[in-house]
């Protein structure tokens, strides 16, 4: 699970400050304030880690990638490529990592890993890693630090503490530039007798970014039939286009989940159907083949108990928009981080509120008797969602420290992210001005308009 993120000189962000990321993190803010760019950067790092091009330090995207952020110059704050782009990210490890120094048999353990990467523009205006630093931590205290950087003369350097890297005799070749943004090359590691552990750090980074999933704000229109030939998709797709395939794949593998400790387990399809009913969207939900032995499937809905069965295309648009969000948070693999934009789009206010219960359940759900440890980072505009979340904190359904709430706003040419202090009673202690618009101004203006209209009517 990601625990913190700190970004400098990216898009509208001069400096985000250190962002605490909780199991359930919610980001609010006006349009065009830079909320989405935070998630976009994580997706750019993910697609870089998954790229086959080891020489590309940062894969900003193209027509075939998950996301396309344009040129490097377009990504840097104020388009000033003389500025460094600095990204610091920290995450908890699913299993404690043990690093052994082969020269003295000393071991260094950690339950968390931090990565700080500084990019600089090269002569072709492309991003190049200027420095790369790993910090292995045990209960918040650094136990091992390794850093790649360049000297004032431009010579690459690699150092580590408390493990001191020892050169191999006869291997005096120069260090290579890092591969992608996080990996020291095999040739560079072979220069030392005890640098093999650097491959373990890179592997942990690859695993972490493989667990990041993204669902965009606009989902695909529903279809009358869906094709599925047995594949098991990684996620529901950025537009939810693989949602039905994901449901069928989960059914085929007989996945069973519950909503939290000491709760009943259900098969994946029934689990999703029960949530749709509890969201007060429909009464019954089924995915079935159009005929035996066929690859075509249809989604059948009953809007209420006595209603006729209809296809998903024949009910309100809101169902097809919320279904990918609902499936994604329970379909993703354990220890996943799901970044999601506007899951409440096209939903009635009551359903928006109920969606908070879904997400609380998602971070507490269990599968095969084990906690799933899923993390959700949600961009939202919904006051109803926040109100329900505050209520559940007050009721003890989720602890205040398991939730992080932020307000994103413009401050001149910069964007600022203000953390909101949510206490154990569900109260936000530092409400920002105009958090959900100027409600009092609207009320006041309405009263004044009514009084003026009454005066006119009285004169008549």
Protein backbone atom coordinates (compact mmCIF):
# COMPACT_ATOMS: atom_id res chain seq x y z
CA UNK A 1 0.00 0.00 0.00
CA UNK A 2 1.25 3.47 -0.89
CA UNK A 3 1.77 5.54 2.26
CA UNK A 4 3.11 8.84 0.92
CA UNK A 5 3.68 10.80 -2.27
CA UNK A 6 5.67 14.00 -2.80
CA UNK A 7 5.94 15.67 -6.21
CA UNK A 8 7.82 18.78 -7.31
CA UNK A 9 7.55 20.59 -10.65
CA UNK A 10 4.92 18.46 -12.34
CA UNK A 11 2.09 20.03 -14.35
CA UNK A 12 0.47 22.66 -12.10
CA UNK A 13 2.26 21.43 -9.00
CA UNK A 14 5.31 23.39 -7.92
CA UNK A 15 5.43 21.35 -4.72
CA UNK A 16 2.65 19.12 -3.40
CA UNK A 17 4.29 18.72 -0.02
CA UNK A 18 4.32 15.26 1.47
CA UNK A 19 0.90 13.66 0.89
CA UNK A 20 -0.14 11.03 3.41
CA UNK A 21 -1.98 8.23 1.64
CA UNK A 22 -4.39 6.20 3.78
CA UNK A 23 -6.24 2.97 2.91
CA UNK A 24 -9.11 5.25 1.80
CA UNK A 25 -7.89 8.58 0.41
CA UNK A 26 -10.34 11.13 -1.03
CA UNK A 27 -9.34 14.17 -3.08
CA UNK A 28 -11.84 16.98 -3.60
CA UNK A 29 -11.44 20.22 -5.49
CA UNK A 30 -12.70 22.45 -8.28
CA UNK A 31 -12.29 21.53 -11.93
CA UNK A 32 -8.87 22.05 -13.56
CA UNK A 33 -7.04 22.25 -10.24
CA UNK A 34 -4.68 19.36 -10.92
CA UNK A 35 -6.32 16.49 -9.04
CA UNK A 36 -6.15 14.12 -11.98
CA UNK A 37 -2.50 14.84 -12.76
CA UNK A 38 -1.43 13.19 -9.49
CA UNK A 39 -2.92 9.89 -10.57
CA UNK A 40 -1.71 10.37 -14.14
CA UNK A 41 1.88 10.56 -12.93
CA UNK A 42 1.51 7.26 -11.07
CA UNK A 43 0.13 5.66 -14.23
CA UNK A 44 3.08 7.07 -16.22
CA UNK A 45 5.44 5.41 -13.73
CA UNK A 46 3.50 2.15 -14.01
CA UNK A 47 3.64 2.10 -17.81
CA UNK A 48 7.35 2.92 -17.64
CA UNK A 49 7.93 -0.07 -15.35
CA UNK A 50 5.97 -2.29 -17.75
CA UNK A 51 7.67 -0.95 -20.89
CA UNK A 52 10.08 -3.15 -22.85
CA UNK A 53 12.33 -0.12 -23.45
CA UNK A 54 14.84 -0.15 -20.59
CA UNK A 55 16.53 3.03 -21.82
CA UNK A 56 13.42 5.20 -21.46
CA UNK A 57 13.57 6.88 -18.06
CA UNK A 58 9.93 7.98 -18.07
CA UNK A 59 7.30 6.72 -20.53
CA UNK A 60 4.91 9.67 -20.83
CA UNK A 61 2.68 7.87 -23.28
CA UNK A 62 1.61 7.40 -26.88
CA UNK A 63 -1.39 6.08 -28.81
CA UNK A 64 -0.93 2.56 -27.45
CA UNK A 65 -0.20 3.33 -23.79
CA UNK A 66 -2.48 3.56 -20.77
CA UNK A 67 -2.08 7.32 -20.61
CA UNK A 68 -0.51 10.02 -22.81
CA UNK A 69 0.84 13.08 -21.00
CA UNK A 70 2.40 14.70 -24.06
CA UNK A 71 5.99 15.89 -24.18
CA UNK A 72 8.31 16.18 -21.22
CA UNK A 73 8.23 19.97 -21.55
CA UNK A 74 4.43 19.91 -21.29
CA UNK A 75 4.72 17.92 -18.06
CA UNK A 76 7.17 20.17 -16.24
CA UNK A 77 5.87 23.03 -14.12
CA UNK A 78 5.60 26.22 -16.19
CA UNK A 79 7.11 24.21 -19.09
CA UNK A 80 10.55 25.11 -17.74
CA UNK A 81 12.70 22.05 -18.46
CA UNK A 82 15.66 23.56 -16.64
CA UNK A 83 13.82 22.62 -13.44
CA UNK A 84 14.18 19.11 -12.01
CA UNK A 85 11.11 16.90 -11.72
CA UNK A 86 11.26 15.24 -8.30
CA UNK A 87 9.08 12.29 -7.31
CA UNK A 88 9.21 10.68 -3.87
CA UNK A 89 7.00 7.70 -3.12
CA UNK A 90 6.85 5.32 -0.17
CA UNK A 91 4.95 2.09 0.31
CA UNK A 92 4.47 -0.70 2.83
CA UNK A 93 5.81 -4.07 1.74
CA UNK A 94 3.39 -7.05 1.82
CA UNK A 95 6.26 -9.10 3.29
CA UNK A 96 9.29 -7.87 5.20
CA UNK A 97 12.36 -7.58 3.01
CA UNK A 98 15.70 -8.90 4.22
CA UNK A 99 18.88 -7.62 2.58
CA UNK A 100 22.10 -9.56 3.27
CA UNK A 101 25.60 -8.24 2.84
CA UNK A 102 27.49 -11.20 1.39
CA UNK A 103 30.82 -9.84 2.64
CA UNK A 104 30.10 -9.73 6.37
CA UNK A 105 26.86 -11.75 6.75
CA UNK A 106 25.07 -8.70 8.19
CA UNK A 107 21.37 -8.41 7.37
CA UNK A 108 19.17 -5.34 7.05
CA UNK A 109 15.39 -5.67 7.28
CA UNK A 110 12.50 -3.46 6.36
CA UNK A 111 8.72 -3.38 6.19
CA UNK A 112 8.57 -0.29 3.95
CA UNK A 113 10.46 1.05 0.96
CA UNK A 114 10.89 4.65 -0.21
CA UNK A 115 12.03 5.75 -3.66
CA UNK A 116 13.14 9.28 -4.56
CA UNK A 117 13.84 10.00 -8.23
CA UNK A 118 14.96 13.32 -9.72
CA UNK A 119 14.58 13.75 -13.48
CA UNK A 120 16.40 16.33 -15.56
CA UNK A 121 16.04 17.20 -19.23
CA UNK A 122 18.74 15.85 -21.54
CA UNK A 123 20.02 17.62 -24.67
CA UNK A 124 17.02 16.31 -26.63
CA UNK A 125 14.51 17.63 -24.05
CA UNK A 126 13.79 14.09 -22.89
CA UNK A 127 13.67 13.05 -19.21
CA UNK A 128 16.83 11.54 -17.77
CA UNK A 129 17.38 10.23 -14.24
CA UNK A 130 19.62 12.69 -12.42
CA UNK A 131 19.53 10.84 -9.10
CA UNK A 132 17.89 7.72 -7.73
CA UNK A 133 17.70 6.87 -4.04
CA UNK A 134 16.20 3.89 -2.21
CA UNK A 135 15.56 3.82 1.52
CA UNK A 136 14.55 0.59 3.25
CA UNK A 137 12.72 1.29 6.50
CA UNK A 138 11.88 -0.79 9.55
CA UNK A 139 9.00 0.69 11.58
CA UNK A 140 9.69 4.10 10.11
CA UNK A 141 13.45 4.09 10.77
CA UNK A 142 15.86 3.83 7.81
CA UNK A 143 17.85 0.58 7.87
CA UNK A 144 19.51 0.81 4.45
CA UNK A 145 20.04 3.61 1.93
CA UNK A 146 21.39 3.37 -1.61
CA UNK A 147 21.86 6.30 -3.99
CA UNK A 148 22.83 6.71 -7.63
CA UNK A 149 23.82 10.23 -8.71
CA UNK A 150 26.27 12.23 -10.82
CA UNK A 151 29.26 14.15 -9.54
CA UNK A 152 29.87 17.80 -10.38
CA UNK A 153 32.01 16.57 -13.28
CA UNK A 154 29.14 14.44 -14.58
CA UNK A 155 30.61 11.12 -13.47
CA UNK A 156 28.03 8.51 -12.32
CA UNK A 157 28.40 7.42 -8.69
CA UNK A 158 26.79 4.69 -6.59
CA UNK A 159 26.97 4.53 -2.83
CA UNK A 160 25.22 2.68 -0.04
CA UNK A 161 24.96 2.84 3.75
CA UNK A 162 25.46 0.95 6.07
CA UNK A 163 26.42 -1.58 3.40
CA UNK A 164 29.60 -0.28 1.82
CA UNK A 165 29.92 -1.31 -1.80
CA UNK A 166 33.25 -3.02 -2.56
CA UNK A 167 34.70 -3.03 -6.07
CA UNK A 168 35.52 -6.27 -7.86
CA UNK A 169 39.14 -6.57 -8.88
CA UNK A 170 39.66 -6.06 -12.58
CA UNK A 171 36.18 -4.60 -13.15
CA UNK A 172 36.95 -0.93 -13.52
CA UNK A 173 34.37 -0.14 -16.21
CA UNK A 174 32.29 2.98 -15.61
CA UNK A 175 28.79 2.85 -14.17
CA UNK A 176 25.92 2.91 -16.64
CA UNK A 177 22.91 5.19 -16.48
CA UNK A 178 19.97 3.64 -14.59
CA UNK A 179 17.49 1.52 -16.50
CA UNK A 180 14.08 3.18 -16.58
CA UNK A 181 13.70 5.24 -13.40
CA UNK A 182 14.38 2.68 -10.71
CA UNK A 183 16.85 -0.04 -11.73
CA UNK A 184 20.64 -0.26 -11.58
CA UNK A 185 21.87 -2.23 -14.59
CA UNK A 186 23.41 -5.70 -14.31
CA UNK A 187 26.72 -4.37 -15.60
CA UNK A 188 26.80 -1.62 -12.99
CA UNK A 189 26.01 -4.10 -10.21
CA UNK A 190 28.67 -6.52 -11.47
CA UNK A 191 31.26 -3.83 -10.80
CA UNK A 192 30.85 -4.57 -7.09
CA UNK A 193 31.19 -7.70 -4.99
CA UNK A 194 28.10 -7.01 -2.90
CA UNK A 195 25.59 -5.05 -5.01
CA UNK A 196 23.22 -7.90 -5.93
CA UNK A 197 20.68 -6.64 -3.38
CA UNK A 198 19.95 -3.72 -5.72
CA UNK A 199 18.04 -6.15 -7.94
CA UNK A 200 15.77 -6.94 -4.97
CA UNK A 201 14.93 -3.25 -4.56
CA UNK A 202 14.10 -2.94 -8.26
CA UNK A 203 11.93 -6.07 -8.09
CA UNK A 204 9.95 -4.64 -5.16
CA UNK A 205 9.39 -1.46 -7.18
CA UNK A 206 8.13 -3.39 -10.18
CA UNK A 207 5.74 -5.36 -8.00
CA UNK A 208 4.39 -2.21 -6.39
CA UNK A 209 3.70 -0.41 -9.67
CA UNK A 210 2.14 -3.54 -11.16
CA UNK A 211 -0.43 -3.33 -8.34
CA UNK A 212 -1.57 0.20 -9.27
CA UNK A 213 -4.87 0.25 -11.16
CA UNK A 214 -6.73 3.17 -12.74
CA UNK A 215 -10.38 3.82 -13.62
CA UNK A 216 -11.15 7.01 -15.50
CA UNK A 217 -14.13 9.36 -15.09
CA UNK A 218 -16.03 8.29 -18.23
CA UNK A 219 -17.07 4.68 -18.61
CA UNK A 220 -18.21 2.91 -21.75
CA UNK A 221 -21.83 2.69 -22.79
CA UNK A 222 -23.48 -0.64 -21.93
CA UNK A 223 -23.84 -3.31 -24.62
CA UNK A 224 -26.57 -5.82 -25.40
CA UNK A 225 -24.04 -8.65 -25.58
CA UNK A 226 -20.46 -9.09 -24.38
CA UNK A 227 -17.79 -11.47 -25.67
CA UNK A 228 -15.72 -13.55 -23.26
CA UNK A 229 -13.52 -16.50 -24.26
CA UNK A 230 -11.97 -17.35 -20.90
CA UNK A 231 -9.33 -14.65 -20.46
CA UNK A 232 -8.55 -13.22 -17.01
CA UNK A 233 -8.08 -9.43 -17.39
CA UNK A 234 -5.79 -7.54 -15.02
CA UNK A 235 -8.54 -5.00 -14.29
CA UNK A 236 -11.82 -3.67 -15.67
CA UNK A 237 -10.06 -1.31 -18.09
CA UNK A 238 -9.67 2.45 -17.90
CA UNK A 239 -13.20 2.95 -19.23
CA UNK A 240 -14.70 -0.14 -17.65
CA UNK A 241 -14.70 -1.94 -20.99
CA UNK A 242 -13.58 -5.22 -19.37
CA UNK A 243 -16.03 -5.19 -16.47
CA UNK A 244 -18.18 -8.10 -17.62
CA UNK A 245 -15.09 -10.13 -18.59
CA UNK A 246 -13.72 -9.51 -15.10
CA UNK A 247 -16.95 -10.75 -13.49
CA UNK A 248 -16.96 -13.90 -15.62
CA UNK A 249 -13.27 -14.52 -14.92
CA UNK A 250 -13.84 -14.21 -11.17
CA UNK A 251 -16.79 -16.61 -11.39
CA UNK A 252 -14.73 -19.13 -13.35
CA UNK A 253 -12.06 -19.11 -10.64
CA UNK A 254 -14.70 -19.48 -7.94
CA UNK A 255 -13.55 -16.38 -6.07
CA UNK A 256 -15.39 -15.75 -2.80
CA UNK A 257 -15.32 -12.52 -0.79
CA UNK A 258 -16.89 -10.98 2.25
CA UNK A 259 -17.37 -7.39 3.41
CA UNK A 260 -15.05 -7.62 6.37
CA UNK A 261 -14.02 -9.78 9.28
CA UNK A 262 -16.69 -12.17 10.62
CA UNK A 263 -19.01 -11.50 7.66
CA UNK A 264 -20.56 -14.06 5.29
CA UNK A 265 -18.67 -15.11 2.15
CA UNK A 266 -20.36 -15.07 -1.28
CA UNK A 267 -19.37 -16.00 -4.82
CA UNK A 268 -18.16 -13.01 -6.81
CA UNK A 269 -21.31 -12.60 -8.91
CA UNK A 270 -23.63 -12.79 -5.90
CA UNK A 271 -21.32 -10.50 -3.96
CA UNK A 272 -21.60 -7.81 -6.66
CA UNK A 273 -25.34 -8.35 -7.05
CA UNK A 274 -25.88 -7.85 -3.32
CA UNK A 275 -23.97 -4.58 -3.41
CA UNK A 276 -26.01 -3.33 -6.36
CA UNK A 277 -29.15 -4.08 -4.41
CA UNK A 278 -27.82 -2.39 -1.27
CA UNK A 279 -26.87 0.64 -3.34
CA UNK A 280 -30.59 0.82 -4.15
CA UNK A 281 -29.96 0.72 -7.89
CA UNK A 282 -31.57 -2.60 -8.89
CA UNK A 283 -33.19 -5.67 -7.36
CA UNK A 284 -31.49 -8.45 -9.34
CA UNK A 285 -28.35 -8.76 -11.48
CA UNK A 286 -27.20 -11.73 -13.58
CA UNK A 287 -24.58 -12.36 -16.25
CA UNK A 288 -25.41 -15.35 -18.44
CA UNK A 289 -24.57 -16.77 -21.88
CA UNK A 290 -27.06 -16.06 -24.64
CA UNK A 291 -27.07 -19.81 -25.34
CA UNK A 292 -25.26 -22.87 -24.06
CA UNK A 293 -21.70 -23.15 -25.30
CA UNK A 294 -21.59 -19.61 -26.70
CA UNK A 295 -18.98 -16.88 -26.06
CA UNK A 296 -21.63 -14.15 -26.07
CA UNK A 297 -23.02 -13.07 -22.70
CA UNK A 298 -25.79 -10.72 -21.67
CA UNK A 299 -26.34 -8.76 -18.48
CA UNK A 300 -29.87 -9.19 -17.18
CA UNK A 301 -31.42 -6.75 -14.71
CA UNK A 302 -34.56 -6.52 -12.61
CA UNK A 303 -35.14 -2.99 -11.37
CA UNK A 304 -37.42 -4.20 -8.57
CA UNK A 305 -38.61 -7.53 -7.27
CA UNK A 306 -41.75 -7.83 -9.41
CA UNK A 307 -40.30 -6.19 -12.53
CA UNK A 308 -39.66 -8.01 -15.79
CA UNK A 309 -36.10 -8.96 -16.71
CA UNK A 310 -34.41 -6.49 -19.04
CA UNK A 311 -30.92 -6.04 -20.45
CA UNK A 312 -28.48 -3.56 -18.94
CA UNK A 313 -28.92 -1.33 -21.98
CA UNK A 314 -32.59 -0.85 -21.09
CA UNK A 315 -32.14 0.62 -17.62
CA UNK A 316 -30.77 3.93 -16.39
CA UNK A 317 -27.29 4.99 -17.46
CA UNK A 318 -26.10 5.21 -13.86
CA UNK A 319 -25.84 1.42 -13.46
CA UNK A 320 -23.39 1.02 -16.33
CA UNK A 321 -21.29 3.84 -14.90
CA UNK A 322 -21.06 2.61 -11.31
CA UNK A 323 -20.69 -1.11 -12.14
CA UNK A 324 -17.03 -0.81 -13.27
CA UNK A 325 -16.14 1.04 -10.06
CA UNK A 326 -17.90 -1.55 -7.94
CA UNK A 327 -16.29 -4.50 -9.72
CA UNK A 328 -12.81 -2.96 -9.82
CA UNK A 329 -12.45 -2.41 -6.07
CA UNK A 330 -13.29 -6.06 -5.33
CA UNK A 331 -11.81 -7.68 -8.44
CA UNK A 332 -8.29 -6.25 -8.13
CA UNK A 333 -5.60 -8.41 -6.57
CA UNK A 334 -4.76 -8.10 -2.86
CA UNK A 335 -2.48 -5.17 -1.98
CA UNK A 336 -3.63 -3.25 -5.04
CA UNK A 337 -3.91 0.53 -5.15
CA UNK A 338 -6.89 1.70 -7.21
CA UNK A 339 -6.92 5.31 -8.40
CA UNK A 340 -10.44 6.25 -9.44
CA UNK A 341 -11.95 9.43 -10.88
CA UNK A 342 -15.53 10.48 -10.12
CA UNK A 343 -17.10 7.11 -9.32
CA UNK A 344 -20.30 8.97 -8.42
CA UNK A 345 -20.91 10.27 -11.94
CA UNK A 346 -24.55 9.91 -13.13
CA UNK A 347 -25.67 8.65 -9.70
CA UNK A 348 -28.54 9.85 -7.54
CA UNK A 349 -27.38 11.61 -4.32
CA UNK A 350 -28.56 8.69 -2.17
CA UNK A 351 -26.54 6.24 -4.24
CA UNK A 352 -23.52 8.57 -4.01
CA UNK A 353 -23.79 8.35 -0.24
CA UNK A 354 -24.14 4.55 -0.34
CA UNK A 355 -21.01 4.37 -2.46
CA UNK A 356 -18.98 5.42 0.57
CA UNK A 357 -20.12 2.20 2.29
CA UNK A 358 -18.90 0.19 -0.72
CA UNK A 359 -15.45 1.73 -0.53
CA UNK A 360 -15.18 1.29 3.22
CA UNK A 361 -16.04 -2.36 2.70
CA UNK A 362 -13.50 -2.66 -0.12
CA UNK A 363 -10.57 -1.66 2.11
CA UNK A 364 -11.80 -4.05 4.82
CA UNK A 365 -12.90 -7.00 2.65
CA UNK A 366 -11.41 -10.47 2.91
CA UNK A 367 -10.84 -13.28 0.42
CA UNK A 368 -9.96 -16.88 1.21
CA UNK A 369 -9.85 -15.99 4.90
CA UNK A 370 -7.25 -13.24 4.44
CA UNK A 371 -7.43 -9.45 4.41
CA UNK A 372 -7.23 -8.09 0.87
CA UNK A 373 -5.45 -4.89 1.97
CA UNK A 374 -6.75 -2.93 -0.99
CA UNK A 375 -6.14 0.82 -1.10
CA UNK A 376 -8.49 3.30 -2.80
CA UNK A 377 -7.56 6.81 -3.91
CA UNK A 378 -10.72 8.54 -5.11
CA UNK A 379 -11.23 11.87 -6.85
CA UNK A 380 -14.72 13.11 -6.13
CA UNK A 381 -17.06 16.10 -6.20
CA UNK A 382 -19.76 14.49 -4.08
CA UNK A 383 -20.84 16.14 -0.83
CA UNK A 384 -23.15 13.19 -0.18
CA UNK A 385 -20.24 10.75 -0.40
CA UNK A 386 -18.25 12.79 2.13
CA UNK A 387 -21.20 13.13 4.51
CA UNK A 388 -21.66 9.35 4.63
CA UNK A 389 -17.94 8.83 5.12
CA UNK A 390 -17.92 11.26 8.05
CA UNK A 391 -20.90 9.44 9.56
CA UNK A 392 -19.17 6.06 9.32
CA UNK A 393 -16.07 7.46 11.02
CA UNK A 394 -18.24 8.76 13.85
CA UNK A 395 -19.96 5.36 14.10
CA UNK A 396 -16.63 3.53 14.21
CA UNK A 397 -17.08 1.65 10.92
CA UNK A 398 -13.70 3.00 9.83
CA UNK A 399 -11.07 4.76 11.93
CA UNK A 400 -10.16 8.39 11.22
CA UNK A 401 -6.53 7.41 10.64
CA UNK A 402 -7.65 4.97 7.91
CA UNK A 403 -9.01 7.92 5.94
CA UNK A 404 -7.21 10.87 4.35
CA UNK A 405 -9.17 13.76 2.83
CA UNK A 406 -7.66 16.54 0.72
CA UNK A 407 -8.90 19.74 -0.92
CA UNK A 408 -7.21 20.78 -4.14
CA UNK A 409 -7.33 24.46 -5.16
CA UNK A 410 -5.62 27.09 -7.27
CA UNK A 411 -3.35 29.64 -5.57
CA UNK A 412 -2.39 32.00 -8.36
CA UNK A 413 -0.43 30.05 -10.96
CA UNK A 414 0.21 27.21 -8.52
CA UNK A 415 -1.96 24.40 -7.23
CA UNK A 416 -2.13 23.62 -3.53
CA UNK A 417 -3.32 20.52 -1.71
CA UNK A 418 -4.76 21.13 1.75
CA UNK A 419 -5.11 18.14 4.11
CA UNK A 420 -8.40 18.20 6.00
CA UNK A 421 -8.28 17.19 9.65
CA UNK A 422 -10.90 14.48 10.19
CA UNK A 423 -11.31 13.61 13.87
CA UNK A 424 -12.73 10.49 15.54
CA UNK A 425 -16.19 12.09 15.66
CA UNK A 426 -16.27 12.41 11.88
CA UNK A 427 -15.85 16.18 12.04
CA UNK A 428 -13.62 18.10 9.66
CA UNK A 429 -11.88 20.65 11.83
CA UNK A 430 -10.59 22.93 9.06
CA UNK A 431 -13.29 23.33 6.42
CA UNK A 432 -11.83 25.22 3.43
CA UNK A 433 -13.67 28.23 2.11
CA UNK A 434 -16.13 27.34 -0.69
CA UNK A 435 -15.41 23.64 -0.28
CA UNK A 436 -18.63 22.66 -2.05
CA UNK A 437 -19.35 26.09 -3.49
CA UNK A 438 -20.66 29.19 -1.73
CA UNK A 439 -23.81 27.69 -0.24
CA UNK A 440 -24.49 30.57 2.15
CA UNK A 441 -24.23 33.10 -0.71
CA UNK A 442 -26.85 31.14 -2.67
CA UNK A 443 -29.18 30.97 0.33
CA UNK A 444 -28.74 34.68 1.03
CA UNK A 445 -29.32 35.64 -2.60
CA UNK A 446 -32.43 33.45 -2.76
CA UNK A 447 -33.90 35.11 0.37
CA UNK A 448 -33.18 38.60 -0.99
CA UNK A 449 -34.74 37.73 -4.36
CA UNK A 450 -37.83 36.34 -2.61
CA UNK A 451 -38.17 39.51 -0.50
CA UNK A 452 -37.88 41.74 -3.58
CA UNK A 453 -40.48 39.68 -5.43
CA UNK A 454 -42.82 39.89 -2.40
CA UNK A 455 -42.45 43.68 -2.35
CA UNK A 456 -43.42 43.89 -6.02
CA UNK A 457 -46.44 41.66 -5.46
CA UNK A 458 -47.55 43.76 -2.46
CA UNK A 459 -47.37 46.98 -4.51
CA UNK A 460 -49.53 45.39 -7.15
